[in-house]
Amino acid sequence: MVAIRKNREQVTVDGLSDGTRDQLYLALRLAAIEHHVETVAPCPVILDDILINSDDSRASAALQVISELAKRTQVLFFTHHRRLAELGMKAGAQMIELDSAAAAIA
């Protein structure tokens, strides 16, 4: 697998930055999940801190895609990064803070 840069340079996966490589693998996983949802059945999707190597622009783009997926199947997105939670809410996510939820039960 190779990536093609804007200047048409081809780069192997090991030549990509951590953030770009993470985005590539996330795109492939989301494509497989979307295909499963469309052709087999909806399934729960659990994502845990998948955007920690992403800048705000990439994280926002990924969260928009995840938000669209959440319209067709259940998605749980876990993060301890406040900024990712804020970007998620801008993309339409409902946020539940587990610390607050745990305190309410106690």
N, C-alpha and C. Protein backbone atom coordinates (compact mmCIF):
# COMPACT_ATOMS: atom_id res chain seq x y z
N MET A 1 0.86 -1.17 0.00
CA MET A 1 0.00 0.00 0.00
C MET A 1 0.90 1.23 0.00
N VAL A 2 0.55 2.19 -0.81
CA VAL A 2 1.30 3.44 -0.86
C VAL A 2 0.34 4.62 -0.79
N ALA A 3 0.84 5.71 -0.25
CA ALA A 3 0.09 6.96 -0.23
C ALA A 3 0.66 7.83 -1.34
N ILE A 4 -0.19 8.63 -1.94
CA ILE A 4 0.25 9.54 -3.00
C ILE A 4 0.04 10.97 -2.50
N ARG A 5 1.14 11.69 -2.38
CA ARG A 5 1.08 13.07 -1.91
C ARG A 5 0.56 13.99 -3.00
N LYS A 6 0.25 15.22 -2.63
CA LYS A 6 -0.27 16.20 -3.60
C LYS A 6 0.68 16.39 -4.78
N ASN A 7 1.99 16.29 -4.52
CA ASN A 7 2.97 16.46 -5.60
C ASN A 7 3.19 15.15 -6.38
N ARG A 8 2.31 14.17 -6.14
CA ARG A 8 2.31 12.86 -6.81
C ARG A 8 3.42 11.92 -6.35
N GLU A 9 4.16 12.33 -5.32
CA GLU A 9 5.18 11.46 -4.76
C GLU A 9 4.50 10.29 -4.06
N GLN A 10 5.01 9.09 -4.27
CA GLN A 10 4.46 7.90 -3.62
C GLN A 10 5.27 7.61 -2.36
N VAL A 11 4.57 7.34 -1.27
CA VAL A 11 5.21 7.09 0.01
C VAL A 11 4.63 5.80 0.58
N THR A 12 5.51 4.90 1.03
CA THR A 12 5.02 3.68 1.67
C THR A 12 4.47 4.03 3.05
N VAL A 13 3.72 3.13 3.61
CA VAL A 13 3.08 3.38 4.91
C VAL A 13 4.12 3.71 5.98
N ASP A 14 5.28 3.02 5.97
CA ASP A 14 6.28 3.33 7.00
C ASP A 14 6.89 4.72 6.83
N GLY A 15 6.71 5.36 5.69
CA GLY A 15 7.22 6.71 5.48
C GLY A 15 6.26 7.79 5.92
N LEU A 16 5.07 7.41 6.38
CA LEU A 16 4.06 8.38 6.84
C LEU A 16 4.30 8.74 8.30
N SER A 17 3.87 9.91 8.68
CA SER A 17 3.95 10.30 10.10
C SER A 17 2.98 9.44 10.90
N ASP A 18 3.16 9.40 12.22
CA ASP A 18 2.26 8.63 13.08
C ASP A 18 0.81 9.05 12.90
N GLY A 19 0.58 10.37 12.85
CA GLY A 19 -0.79 10.87 12.69
C GLY A 19 -1.40 10.47 11.37
N THR A 20 -0.63 10.58 10.29
CA THR A 20 -1.15 10.21 8.98
C THR A 20 -1.39 8.71 8.89
N ARG A 21 -0.48 7.93 9.44
CA ARG A 21 -0.65 6.47 9.44
C ARG A 21 -1.89 6.08 10.24
N ASP A 22 -2.09 6.71 11.39
CA ASP A 22 -3.30 6.44 12.18
C ASP A 22 -4.56 6.77 11.40
N GLN A 23 -4.55 7.89 10.69
CA GLN A 23 -5.71 8.29 9.89
C GLN A 23 -5.99 7.29 8.78
N LEU A 24 -4.93 6.79 8.15
CA LEU A 24 -5.09 5.79 7.09
C LEU A 24 -5.73 4.52 7.64
N TYR A 25 -5.19 4.01 8.74
CA TYR A 25 -5.74 2.79 9.32
C TYR A 25 -7.16 3.00 9.82
N LEU A 26 -7.45 4.16 10.38
CA LEU A 26 -8.80 4.46 10.83
C LEU A 26 -9.76 4.48 9.65
N ALA A 27 -9.35 5.10 8.55
CA ALA A 27 -10.20 5.15 7.35
C ALA A 27 -10.51 3.74 6.85
N LEU A 28 -9.52 2.87 6.85
CA LEU A 28 -9.73 1.49 6.42
C LEU A 28 -10.68 0.75 7.35
N ARG A 29 -10.49 0.93 8.66
CA ARG A 29 -11.38 0.27 9.63
C ARG A 29 -12.81 0.79 9.51
N LEU A 30 -12.97 2.10 9.39
CA LEU A 30 -14.32 2.67 9.26
C LEU A 30 -14.99 2.22 7.98
N ALA A 31 -14.22 2.10 6.90
CA ALA A 31 -14.79 1.61 5.64
C ALA A 31 -15.28 0.18 5.81
N ALA A 32 -14.52 -0.66 6.50
CA ALA A 32 -14.94 -2.04 6.73
C ALA A 32 -16.19 -2.09 7.61
N ILE A 33 -16.25 -1.24 8.63
CA ILE A 33 -17.42 -1.21 9.51
C ILE A 33 -18.64 -0.73 8.74
N GLU A 34 -18.48 0.34 7.95
CA GLU A 34 -19.60 0.84 7.15
C GLU A 34 -20.10 -0.22 6.17
N HIS A 35 -19.19 -0.95 5.56
CA HIS A 35 -19.58 -2.02 4.64
C HIS A 35 -20.38 -3.10 5.38
N HIS A 36 -19.93 -3.46 6.57
CA HIS A 36 -20.63 -4.46 7.37
C HIS A 36 -22.03 -3.97 7.74
N VAL A 37 -22.13 -2.73 8.18
CA VAL A 37 -23.42 -2.16 8.56
C VAL A 37 -24.39 -2.16 7.38
N GLU A 38 -23.88 -1.83 6.20
CA GLU A 38 -24.74 -1.76 5.01
C GLU A 38 -25.11 -3.13 4.45
N THR A 39 -24.20 -4.09 4.55
CA THR A 39 -24.45 -5.38 3.89
C THR A 39 -24.87 -6.50 4.82
N VAL A 40 -24.55 -6.41 6.10
CA VAL A 40 -24.88 -7.49 7.03
C VAL A 40 -25.90 -7.00 8.05
N ALA A 41 -25.46 -6.17 8.98
CA ALA A 41 -26.35 -5.65 10.03
C ALA A 41 -25.62 -4.59 10.83
N PRO A 42 -26.35 -3.68 11.46
CA PRO A 42 -25.70 -2.74 12.38
C PRO A 42 -25.01 -3.49 13.51
N CYS A 43 -23.93 -2.93 13.99
CA CYS A 43 -23.18 -3.55 15.09
C CYS A 43 -22.62 -2.43 15.96
N PRO A 44 -22.48 -2.69 17.25
CA PRO A 44 -21.90 -1.65 18.10
C PRO A 44 -20.44 -1.41 17.72
N VAL A 45 -20.02 -0.15 17.77
CA VAL A 45 -18.65 0.22 17.45
C VAL A 45 -18.09 0.92 18.68
N ILE A 46 -16.98 0.41 19.19
CA ILE A 46 -16.35 1.00 20.37
C ILE A 46 -14.97 1.50 19.98
N LEU A 47 -14.74 2.79 20.18
CA LEU A 47 -13.48 3.44 19.80
C LEU A 47 -12.87 4.06 21.04
N ASP A 48 -11.63 3.74 21.33
CA ASP A 48 -10.97 4.23 22.55
C ASP A 48 -9.71 5.02 22.18
N ASP A 49 -9.77 6.32 22.37
CA ASP A 49 -8.65 7.24 22.13
C ASP A 49 -7.95 7.00 20.80
N ILE A 50 -8.74 6.93 19.73
CA ILE A 50 -8.19 6.65 18.41
C ILE A 50 -7.60 7.88 17.74
N LEU A 51 -7.80 9.06 18.30
CA LEU A 51 -7.37 10.29 17.63
C LEU A 51 -6.27 11.03 18.39
N ILE A 52 -5.56 10.35 19.27
CA ILE A 52 -4.57 11.05 20.10
C ILE A 52 -3.39 11.58 19.30
N ASN A 53 -3.11 11.02 18.13
CA ASN A 53 -2.01 11.52 17.29
C ASN A 53 -2.50 12.46 16.19
N SER A 54 -3.75 12.89 16.27
CA SER A 54 -4.33 13.73 15.22
C SER A 54 -4.39 15.19 15.67
N ASP A 55 -4.11 16.08 14.73
CA ASP A 55 -4.30 17.50 15.02
C ASP A 55 -5.81 17.81 14.96
N ASP A 56 -6.19 19.02 15.32
CA ASP A 56 -7.61 19.36 15.38
C ASP A 56 -8.31 19.20 14.03
N SER A 57 -7.63 19.55 12.95
CA SER A 57 -8.24 19.45 11.63
C SER A 57 -8.54 17.99 11.27
N ARG A 58 -7.58 17.11 11.48
CA ARG A 58 -7.79 15.70 11.18
C ARG A 58 -8.79 15.07 12.13
N ALA A 59 -8.71 15.44 13.40
CA ALA A 59 -9.65 14.90 14.38
C ALA A 59 -11.08 15.32 14.04
N SER A 60 -11.26 16.58 13.66
CA SER A 60 -12.60 17.06 13.30
C SER A 60 -13.15 16.31 12.10
N ALA A 61 -12.31 16.09 11.10
CA ALA A 61 -12.74 15.35 9.90
C ALA A 61 -13.13 13.92 10.26
N ALA A 62 -12.33 13.28 11.09
CA ALA A 62 -12.62 11.90 11.51
C ALA A 62 -13.91 11.86 12.33
N LEU A 63 -14.10 12.83 13.20
CA LEU A 63 -15.30 12.84 14.03
C LEU A 63 -16.55 13.09 13.21
N GLN A 64 -16.45 13.83 12.12
CA GLN A 64 -17.59 14.01 11.22
C GLN A 64 -17.98 12.67 10.59
N VAL A 65 -16.99 11.89 10.16
CA VAL A 65 -17.25 10.57 9.57
C VAL A 65 -17.87 9.66 10.62
N ILE A 66 -17.32 9.69 11.83
CA ILE A 66 -17.85 8.85 12.92
C ILE A 66 -19.28 9.27 13.26
N SER A 67 -19.55 10.58 13.23
CA SER A 67 -20.90 11.08 13.48
C SER A 67 -21.88 10.55 12.45
N GLU A 68 -21.48 10.50 11.19
CA GLU A 68 -22.34 9.95 10.14
C GLU A 68 -22.58 8.46 10.37
N LEU A 69 -21.54 7.74 10.76
CA LEU A 69 -21.69 6.31 11.06
C LEU A 69 -22.66 6.11 12.22
N ALA A 70 -22.61 6.99 13.21
CA ALA A 70 -23.47 6.87 14.39
C ALA A 70 -24.95 7.04 14.06
N LYS A 71 -25.26 7.56 12.89
CA LYS A 71 -26.66 7.67 12.47
C LYS A 71 -27.20 6.31 12.03
N ARG A 72 -26.29 5.35 11.77
CA ARG A 72 -26.71 4.04 11.28
C ARG A 72 -26.46 2.91 12.26
N THR A 73 -25.60 3.15 13.25
CA THR A 73 -25.30 2.11 14.23
C THR A 73 -24.79 2.77 15.51
N GLN A 74 -24.78 2.04 16.60
CA GLN A 74 -24.34 2.58 17.88
C GLN A 74 -22.83 2.76 17.89
N VAL A 75 -22.38 3.94 18.28
CA VAL A 75 -20.95 4.22 18.38
C VAL A 75 -20.65 4.76 19.77
N LEU A 76 -19.67 4.16 20.42
CA LEU A 76 -19.18 4.64 21.71
C LEU A 76 -17.74 5.09 21.49
N PHE A 77 -17.46 6.34 21.77
CA PHE A 77 -16.14 6.93 21.56
C PHE A 77 -15.60 7.36 22.91
N PHE A 78 -14.56 6.72 23.37
CA PHE A 78 -13.97 7.04 24.67
C PHE A 78 -12.72 7.89 24.47
N THR A 79 -12.59 8.93 25.29
CA THR A 79 -11.37 9.73 25.31
C THR A 79 -11.24 10.39 26.67
N HIS A 80 -10.01 10.65 27.05
CA HIS A 80 -9.79 11.45 28.26
C HIS A 80 -9.24 12.82 27.90
N HIS A 81 -9.24 13.13 26.61
CA HIS A 81 -8.76 14.42 26.13
C HIS A 81 -9.95 15.38 25.96
N ARG A 82 -9.97 16.42 26.76
CA ARG A 82 -11.05 17.40 26.74
C ARG A 82 -11.25 17.98 25.34
N ARG A 83 -10.16 18.27 24.62
CA ARG A 83 -10.26 18.88 23.29
C ARG A 83 -11.00 17.95 22.32
N LEU A 84 -10.72 16.65 22.36
CA LEU A 84 -11.41 15.71 21.49
C LEU A 84 -12.89 15.63 21.84
N ALA A 85 -13.22 15.72 23.13
CA ALA A 85 -14.62 15.73 23.54
C ALA A 85 -15.32 16.97 22.98
N GLU A 86 -14.64 18.12 23.03
CA GLU A 86 -15.23 19.36 22.48
C GLU A 86 -15.43 19.24 20.97
N LEU A 87 -14.45 18.70 20.27
CA LEU A 87 -14.58 18.53 18.82
C LEU A 87 -15.69 17.53 18.49
N GLY A 88 -15.82 16.51 19.32
CA GLY A 88 -16.89 15.53 19.13
C GLY A 88 -18.27 16.15 19.28
N MET A 89 -18.41 17.01 20.27
CA MET A 89 -19.70 17.68 20.46
C MET A 89 -20.02 18.60 19.29
N LYS A 90 -19.00 19.24 18.72
CA LYS A 90 -19.22 20.08 17.53
C LYS A 90 -19.68 19.23 16.35
N ALA A 91 -19.25 17.97 16.32
CA ALA A 91 -19.66 17.05 15.24
C ALA A 91 -21.01 16.42 15.51
N GLY A 92 -21.61 16.75 16.66
CA GLY A 92 -22.95 16.25 16.96
C GLY A 92 -23.02 15.14 17.99
N ALA A 93 -21.90 14.83 18.64
CA ALA A 93 -21.89 13.76 19.63
C ALA A 93 -22.53 14.21 20.94
N GLN A 94 -23.10 13.25 21.64
CA GLN A 94 -23.59 13.49 22.99
C GLN A 94 -22.48 13.05 23.93
N MET A 95 -22.11 13.89 24.88
CA MET A 95 -21.01 13.56 25.78
C MET A 95 -21.54 13.16 27.15
N ILE A 96 -20.97 12.09 27.67
CA ILE A 96 -21.26 11.66 29.03
C ILE A 96 -19.92 11.55 29.74
N GLU A 97 -19.75 12.33 30.80
CA GLU A 97 -18.50 12.27 31.56
C GLU A 97 -18.65 11.18 32.60
N LEU A 98 -17.77 10.17 32.51
CA LEU A 98 -17.88 9.03 33.41
C LEU A 98 -17.59 9.40 34.85
N ASP A 99 -16.68 10.36 35.09
CA ASP A 99 -16.42 10.79 36.45
C ASP A 99 -17.69 11.36 37.08
N SER A 100 -18.42 12.15 36.32
CA SER A 100 -19.67 12.75 36.81
C SER A 100 -20.73 11.67 37.01
N ALA A 101 -20.81 10.72 36.08
CA ALA A 101 -21.79 9.64 36.18
C ALA A 101 -21.49 8.77 37.40
N ALA A 102 -20.23 8.49 37.65
CA ALA A 102 -19.85 7.65 38.80
C ALA A 102 -20.18 8.37 40.11
N ALA A 103 -19.96 9.66 40.16
CA ALA A 103 -20.25 10.43 41.37
C ALA A 103 -21.75 10.47 41.65
N ALA A 104 -22.56 10.50 40.61
CA ALA A 104 -24.02 10.53 40.78
C ALA A 104 -24.55 9.23 41.35
N ILE A 105 -23.88 8.12 41.04
CA ILE A 105 -24.32 6.81 41.52
C ILE A 105 -23.93 6.61 42.98
N ALA A 106 -22.78 7.14 43.37
CA ALA A 106 -22.24 6.91 44.73
C ALA A 106 -23.05 7.58 45.79
